[in-house]
Amino acid sequence: MVLQRAPQQAIVWGYTDTLNVPIRLTMNNKSYYTMSYKSFIELANVSIWSVTLDAQTDEGPFQIQVTQPLANGSMQTITLNDVLFGDVWICSGQSNMQFAVSKMFNATIEIENAGKYSKVRLFTASTAQAYTPQEELLSIGLRWSVASATSVASGYTSAVCWLYGRMIHEGLGGRPMGLIHTSWGGTDIEYWSPPEALKDCGITESNQIISAAKDQKSEEKVNVVLNNTVLYNAMIHPFTRMVIKGAVWYQGENNANFNRDKYPCTFSKMIEYWRAIWHTRTNSITDPLFPFGFVQLSTNDRTGKVVGGFPWIRWHQTFDVGYVPNSVVPNVFMAVALDLRDDEGGIHPRNKLDVGYRLSRSGLAVAYGYKNITYQGPTVASISVASDSRKINITYAGQMSSSVELRNPNGFEICCTSKPVCLSSESVWATATASQIQGSSLAISLAVPSSCILKPIIGLRYLWRETPCLFKQAAVYSSTDSDLPAPPYIHFF
């Protein structure tokens, strides 16, 4: 297993059937002493104990021994072997997070090479639900395991979680990584949210939804009744005593057609309350603004014509700003994935390598403060309409770059009716073609379609489709790192 490294202190806890019994924990030639006490959540005949270790700069491996006296005068000892100190990341969400390494493109190579990363440790919670917060997992899918061909090939190892953790591990020069995977396909964000978060968003009723693994490719589709908060209770809360570095999230497909307009609130409040609860339950050790990364929704529709709910969820994932990090929710980072079309994969694109790469670049920059690294595509700095209303000029801010790559002229649409009509009707949006502005490597120009000339320009949107382009054929990319596309956006004048 992996515990959180310095400068944070790791917490080790456990249970005993005796109240007020002395507990001794020994590690690295030092002993820590504590007493068992009653948990604030009622557990029959169970008392809890907890030890806060000194901050560990040495990665180990270490052996941890925990000893308690028994009523008959003997001593009981539990031993944890091969414990490393590094960074602990929570990986959660729905089926694109649950998507196994064995199903991704290049799985054979990834699995064959897994043994090279023995300092990456894996743990997976089994899917479970509960109506009250649980102190312990109801079941475990994969116990703490060293990364190997066997553990990485198991159906329990998330491709996105593994690739993110492996690439962060490499980017940090081999720092140990503890990857805790806890996800469930076909689930709404409401299931993963503490009740306080939902209340803040005006969601007080528990919406019973029948889930049939509806966005999973699964041979076994079992109907399950899920309610608000039940996955937080069973699959997140049990980890909140553990000091962590941060979390990564891949979810939103289910909310494309359910509580979609509330997603800016439900997503931001879930992050806020996860952070607050982890901070409180780890005795203020876990950062109250711990880094939170997410994958912006990838693709779905095979025709490339459907607008659907995905574009709005992508926008709402950025809290209606269009990019992260931003001032709305601090210390958040993302991977853009809408250009990774996979027609056979449908809603589950099998190219997870690019997702892992993009997310890890963002993580290194935001979570670890790497300065000289390109981690996101160009973002819009300004938009202006020419005086004759025949051109729209867009200037980008190129992160670590003085130019943008215009890969093709497509993906831009203009609306020239009224904002309510633009928001309610797809037929009023007209295609605009882009070209690079001569003498400016950060600006592009859109030719206003004939239907909008001499009319007031009301709205502009970019990549506003469930599947907006062919594979890696979005219009705008970073010129410094051609694998990083500009995120989608919508703008009203």
Foldseek 3Di string as FASTA:
>chain_A
DEAAAPPFWWKDKDKDLDFQWWKWKDKPRDIDIDGWHCDPDDDPSITMDMDTGHHHPFFDQMKMKMWTADPVGDIDIDIDGRYTHFFEEEEEAADLQLAALLQFPPSVVCLQCQVVQQLEKEWEADDDFDPAADQAAPGTDDHIDGGHSVVRNDSRHGPLQVLQQVVLCVVVPNTRYYYYYYYYHPDDLQQQADQVLCVVLVRNDWDWDWAQSVLDPDPHGDTDTTTGPGSNRRGPNNCLLTAHQYYEYEYDPNCLPPCLVSLLSSVLSRLQVSLVSSCVNPVNRHPSQHAYEYEQFAFADPVLPALGRSLSNSCSNCSNPQADDDDPRHRYHYAYHHQADDNVCGSRRSHSNLRSVLRNQRCCCRSVPDQQGQRAWWEWDDWDADPQNFKIKTFTDFRNDQAKAFLFFWFKWWAQDEPVCVVVDPVRIDTWGWDCDPPGRRMIMTGDDPVCGPGDTFKMWGQSHSRNDHRLRGGIGHPVDSSHGRTIHMDTD
